[in-house]
Amino acid sequence: MAEHTRSSITIEASPAEVMAVISDFGRYPEWTGEVKEAEILSTDDRGRAEEVRLLLDAGAIKDEHTLAYEWSGTDEVRWSLVRSKMLRALDGSYRLVPAAGGERTDVTYQLTVDVKIPMLGTIKRKAEKVIIDRALDGLKKRVESVTR
């Protein structure tokens, strides 16, 4: 089983407000440091993204790739790699749990990255940690600026 990296943050907004930002892929370049472009390639019958093309620049990892998304109710989204030039795997999830009467949300982000070129496991874990921390910080700032 592949190793993964996980981290959590509490955001001052409802789970629905947090998920609205997570699912708005077109705005990812505005609040994520790594995503430079995002394009929804297909949607499900509820209008949620099923496949998204992303141009990623995360320092050691620079790539254009396509991810497949799977939505579990209104509180979780998972993704997996469909195609990439540099990556063998980019699998992850956001899990939202209401806190403090629904006015706050605990967000857990889990990520597994595997690259096609040889790379030490500790370097991969560090890259995952950097991606997660920046994404959670950016998500928190974005959601709280939009909802306040």
C-alpha atoms as a PDB file:
ATOM      1  CA  MET A   1       0.000   0.000   0.000  1.00  0.00           C
ATOM      2  CA  ALA A   2       1.311   3.423  -0.931  1.00  0.00           C
ATOM      3  CA  GLU A   3       2.180   5.876   1.801  1.00  0.00           C
ATOM      4  CA  HIS A   4       0.170   9.053   2.043  1.00  0.00           C
ATOM      5  CA  THR A   5       0.333  12.364   3.816  1.00  0.00           C
ATOM      6  CA  ARG A   6      -2.604  13.824   5.737  1.00  0.00           C
ATOM      7  CA  SER A   7      -3.262  17.138   7.451  1.00  0.00           C
ATOM      8  CA  SER A   8      -6.274  19.014   8.832  1.00  0.00           C
ATOM      9  CA  ILE A   9      -7.415  22.577   9.410  1.00  0.00           C
ATOM     10  CA  THR A  10     -10.508  24.273  10.861  1.00  0.00           C
ATOM     11  CA  ILE A  11     -12.238  26.846   8.657  1.00  0.00           C
ATOM     12  CA  GLU A  12     -14.693  29.475   9.908  1.00  0.00           C
ATOM     13  CA  ALA A  13     -17.484  28.557   7.488  1.00  0.00           C
ATOM     14  CA  SER A  14     -20.092  25.871   6.943  1.00  0.00           C
ATOM     15  CA  PRO A  15     -19.213  22.645   5.127  1.00  0.00           C
ATOM     16  CA  ALA A  16     -21.371  23.780   2.177  1.00  0.00           C
ATOM     17  CA  GLU A  17     -19.392  27.035   1.904  1.00  0.00           C
ATOM     18  CA  VAL A  18     -16.095  25.132   2.020  1.00  0.00           C
ATOM     19  CA  MET A  19     -17.228  22.597  -0.595  1.00  0.00           C
ATOM     20  CA  ALA A  20     -18.395  25.431  -2.870  1.00  0.00           C
ATOM     21  CA  VAL A  21     -14.808  26.715  -3.000  1.00  0.00           C
ATOM     22  CA  ILE A  22     -13.300  23.227  -3.374  1.00  0.00           C
ATOM     23  CA  SER A  23     -15.591  22.445  -6.318  1.00  0.00           C
ATOM     24  CA  ASP A  24     -14.952  25.772  -8.111  1.00  0.00           C
ATOM     25  CA  PHE A  25     -11.975  24.539 -10.146  1.00  0.00           C
ATOM     26  CA  GLY A  26     -11.887  27.563 -12.428  1.00  0.00           C
ATOM     27  CA  ARG A  27     -10.788  29.705  -9.481  1.00  0.00           C
ATOM     28  CA  TYR A  28      -8.024  27.387  -8.224  1.00  0.00           C
ATOM     29  CA  PRO A  29      -5.254  29.550  -9.742  1.00  0.00           C
ATOM     30  CA  GLU A  30      -6.518  32.436  -7.558  1.00  0.00           C
ATOM     31  CA  TRP A  31      -5.968  30.663  -4.244  1.00  0.00           C
ATOM     32  CA  THR A  32      -3.675  27.670  -4.726  1.00  0.00           C
ATOM     33  CA  GLY A  33       0.007  28.329  -5.136  1.00  0.00           C
ATOM     34  CA  GLU A  34       0.607  25.255  -7.284  1.00  0.00           C
ATOM     35  CA  VAL A  35      -2.310  25.178  -9.743  1.00  0.00           C
ATOM     36  CA  LYS A  36      -1.649  27.573 -12.611  1.00  0.00           C
ATOM     37  CA  GLU A  37      -4.572  26.458 -14.841  1.00  0.00           C
ATOM     38  CA  ALA A  38      -7.686  24.332 -14.325  1.00  0.00           C
ATOM     39  CA  GLU A  39     -10.163  23.183 -16.955  1.00  0.00           C
ATOM     40  CA  ILE A  40     -13.199  20.977 -16.332  1.00  0.00           C
ATOM     41  CA  LEU A  41     -13.285  18.328 -19.062  1.00  0.00           C
ATOM     42  CA  SER A  42     -16.479  16.513 -18.021  1.00  0.00           C
ATOM     43  CA  THR A  43     -19.226  16.731 -15.394  1.00  0.00           C
ATOM     44  CA  ASP A  44     -21.692  14.325 -13.813  1.00  0.00           C
ATOM     45  CA  ASP A  45     -25.477  14.613 -13.979  1.00  0.00           C
ATOM     46  CA  ARG A  46     -25.407  16.998 -10.982  1.00  0.00           C
ATOM     47  CA  GLY A  47     -22.958  19.350 -12.714  1.00  0.00           C
ATOM     48  CA  ARG A  48     -19.993  18.338 -10.539  1.00  0.00           C
ATOM     49  CA  ALA A  49     -16.592  17.887 -12.157  1.00  0.00           C
ATOM     50  CA  GLU A  50     -15.724  14.325 -13.145  1.00  0.00           C
ATOM     51  CA  GLU A  51     -12.474  15.039 -14.990  1.00  0.00           C
ATOM     52  CA  VAL A  52     -10.307  18.133 -14.633  1.00  0.00           C
ATOM     53  CA  ARG A  53      -7.103  19.096 -16.441  1.00  0.00           C
ATOM     54  CA  LEU A  54      -4.650  20.897 -14.169  1.00  0.00           C
ATOM     55  CA  LEU A  55      -1.358  22.622 -14.871  1.00  0.00           C
ATOM     56  CA  LEU A  56       0.668  22.163 -11.684  1.00  0.00           C
ATOM     57  CA  ASP A  57       3.878  23.878 -10.589  1.00  0.00           C
ATOM     58  CA  ALA A  58       4.828  22.657  -7.095  1.00  0.00           C
ATOM     59  CA  GLY A  59       8.558  23.297  -7.163  1.00  0.00           C
ATOM     60  CA  ALA A  60      10.018  19.802  -7.629  1.00  0.00           C
ATOM     61  CA  ILE A  61       6.827  18.643  -9.349  1.00  0.00           C
ATOM     62  CA  LYS A  62       5.825  20.462 -12.548  1.00  0.00           C
ATOM     63  CA  ASP A  63       3.244  18.765 -14.713  1.00  0.00           C
ATOM     64  CA  GLU A  64       0.060  18.951 -16.730  1.00  0.00           C
ATOM     65  CA  HIS A  65      -2.270  16.178 -15.684  1.00  0.00           C
ATOM     66  CA  THR A  66      -5.895  15.057 -15.638  1.00  0.00           C
ATOM     67  CA  LEU A  67      -7.673  13.946 -12.486  1.00  0.00           C
ATOM     68  CA  ALA A  68     -10.902  11.959 -12.094  1.00  0.00           C
ATOM     69  CA  TYR A  69     -13.149  13.135  -9.246  1.00  0.00           C
ATOM     70  CA  GLU A  70     -15.600  11.123  -7.181  1.00  0.00           C
ATOM     71  CA  TRP A  71     -18.069  12.971  -4.955  1.00  0.00           C
ATOM     72  CA  SER A  72     -19.373  11.281  -1.810  1.00  0.00           C
ATOM     73  CA  GLY A  73     -22.440  13.206  -0.705  1.00  0.00           C
ATOM     74  CA  THR A  74     -21.736  16.803   0.199  1.00  0.00           C
ATOM     75  CA  ASP A  75     -18.852  16.227   2.611  1.00  0.00           C
ATOM     76  CA  GLU A  76     -16.145  14.390   0.691  1.00  0.00           C
ATOM     77  CA  VAL A  77     -14.435  14.450  -2.677  1.00  0.00           C
ATOM     78  CA  ARG A  78     -11.726  12.042  -3.839  1.00  0.00           C
ATOM     79  CA  TRP A  79      -9.555  12.174  -6.917  1.00  0.00           C
ATOM     80  CA  SER A  80      -7.175   9.930  -8.789  1.00  0.00           C
ATOM     81  CA  LEU A  81      -4.762  10.413 -11.638  1.00  0.00           C
ATOM     82  CA  VAL A  82      -6.009   9.680 -15.164  1.00  0.00           C
ATOM     83  CA  ARG A  83      -2.951  10.808 -17.129  1.00  0.00           C
ATOM     84  CA  SER A  84       0.265  12.715 -16.604  1.00  0.00           C
ATOM     85  CA  LYS A  85       3.709  13.112 -18.116  1.00  0.00           C
ATOM     86  CA  MET A  86       5.599  13.162 -14.830  1.00  0.00           C
ATOM     87  CA  LEU A  87       3.341  11.515 -12.252  1.00  0.00           C
ATOM     88  CA  ARG A  88       2.512   7.868 -11.688  1.00  0.00           C
ATOM     89  CA  ALA A  89      -0.058   8.690  -8.977  1.00  0.00           C
ATOM     90  CA  LEU A  90      -1.759  11.770  -7.576  1.00  0.00           C
ATOM     91  CA  ASP A  91      -4.558  10.484  -5.403  1.00  0.00           C
ATOM     92  CA  GLY A  92      -6.215  12.445  -2.668  1.00  0.00           C
ATOM     93  CA  SER A  93      -9.304  13.582  -0.858  1.00  0.00           C
ATOM     94  CA  TYR A  94     -10.927  16.390   1.069  1.00  0.00           C
ATOM     95  CA  ARG A  95     -13.178  15.290   3.955  1.00  0.00           C
ATOM     96  CA  LEU A  96     -15.372  17.902   5.652  1.00  0.00           C
ATOM     97  CA  VAL A  97     -16.789  17.520   9.170  1.00  0.00           C
ATOM     98  CA  PRO A  98     -19.071  20.171  10.720  1.00  0.00           C
ATOM     99  CA  ALA A  99     -17.774  21.704  13.961  1.00  0.00           C
ATOM    100  CA  ALA A 100     -19.190  24.229  16.457  1.00  0.00           C
ATOM    101  CA  GLY A 101     -22.812  23.945  15.391  1.00  0.00           C
ATOM    102  CA  GLY A 102     -22.066  23.953  11.662  1.00  0.00           C
ATOM    103  CA  GLU A 103     -20.483  27.421  11.600  1.00  0.00           C
ATOM    104  CA  ARG A 104     -17.017  25.894  11.413  1.00  0.00           C
ATOM    105  CA  THR A 105     -15.659  22.993   9.388  1.00  0.00           C
ATOM    106  CA  ASP A 106     -12.809  20.616  10.084  1.00  0.00           C
ATOM    107  CA  VAL A 107     -11.172  19.845   6.727  1.00  0.00           C
ATOM    108  CA  THR A 108      -8.853  16.866   6.303  1.00  0.00           C
ATOM    109  CA  TYR A 109      -6.749  16.641   3.143  1.00  0.00           C
ATOM    110  CA  GLN A 110      -5.038  13.369   2.268  1.00  0.00           C
ATOM    111  CA  LEU A 111      -2.595  13.030  -0.634  1.00  0.00           C
ATOM    112  CA  THR A 112      -0.431  10.380  -2.263  1.00  0.00           C
ATOM    113  CA  VAL A 113       2.063  11.430  -4.939  1.00  0.00           C
ATOM    114  CA  ASP A 114       4.261   9.118  -6.968  1.00  0.00           C
ATOM    115  CA  VAL A 115       6.525  10.367  -9.727  1.00  0.00           C
ATOM    116  CA  LYS A 116       7.839   8.468 -12.735  1.00  0.00           C
ATOM    117  CA  ILE A 117      11.424   9.539 -12.105  1.00  0.00           C
ATOM    118  CA  PRO A 118      13.321   8.007  -9.167  1.00  0.00           C
ATOM    119  CA  MET A 119      12.853  10.069  -6.009  1.00  0.00           C
ATOM    120  CA  LEU A 120      13.509   9.278  -2.370  1.00  0.00           C
ATOM    121  CA  GLY A 121      10.395   8.577  -0.331  1.00  0.00           C
ATOM    122  CA  THR A 122      11.277  11.321   2.146  1.00  0.00           C
ATOM    123  CA  ILE A 123      11.443  13.870  -0.665  1.00  0.00           C
ATOM    124  CA  LYS A 124       8.039  12.707  -2.002  1.00  0.00           C
ATOM    125  CA  ARG A 125       6.496  12.976   1.489  1.00  0.00           C
ATOM    126  CA  LYS A 126       7.980  16.464   1.881  1.00  0.00           C
ATOM    127  CA  ALA A 127       6.497  17.515  -1.488  1.00  0.00           C
ATOM    128  CA  GLU A 128       3.118  16.098  -0.406  1.00  0.00           C
ATOM    129  CA  LYS A 129       3.318  18.002   2.894  1.00  0.00           C
ATOM    130  CA  VAL A 130       4.139  21.263   1.110  1.00  0.00           C
ATOM    131  CA  ILE A 131       1.246  20.775  -1.346  1.00  0.00           C
ATOM    132  CA  ILE A 132      -1.205  19.939   1.456  1.00  0.00           C
ATOM    133  CA  ASP A 133      -0.162  22.765   3.769  1.00  0.00           C
ATOM    134  CA  ARG A 134      -0.315  25.365   1.000  1.00  0.00           C
ATOM    135  CA  ALA A 135      -3.653  24.018  -0.236  1.00  0.00           C
ATOM    136  CA  LEU A 136      -5.231  24.025   3.234  1.00  0.00           C
ATOM    137  CA  ASP A 137      -3.901  27.514   4.046  1.00  0.00           C
ATOM    138  CA  GLY A 138      -5.087  28.809   0.667  1.00  0.00           C
ATOM    139  CA  LEU A 139      -8.479  27.111   1.060  1.00  0.00           C
ATOM    140  CA  LYS A 140      -8.963  28.613   4.528  1.00  0.00           C
ATOM    141  CA  LYS A 141      -8.044  32.126   3.353  1.00  0.00           C
ATOM    142  CA  ARG A 142     -10.226  31.826   0.238  1.00  0.00           C
ATOM    143  CA  VAL A 143     -13.305  30.455   2.021  1.00  0.00           C
ATOM    144  CA  GLU A 144     -13.100  32.903   4.911  1.00  0.00           C
ATOM    145  CA  SER A 145     -12.599  35.880   2.561  1.00  0.00           C
ATOM    146  CA  VAL A 146     -15.591  34.852   0.434  1.00  0.00           C
ATOM    147  CA  THR A 147     -17.936  34.102   3.368  1.00  0.00           C
ATOM    148  CA  ARG A 148     -17.137  37.100   5.579  1.00  0.00           C
END
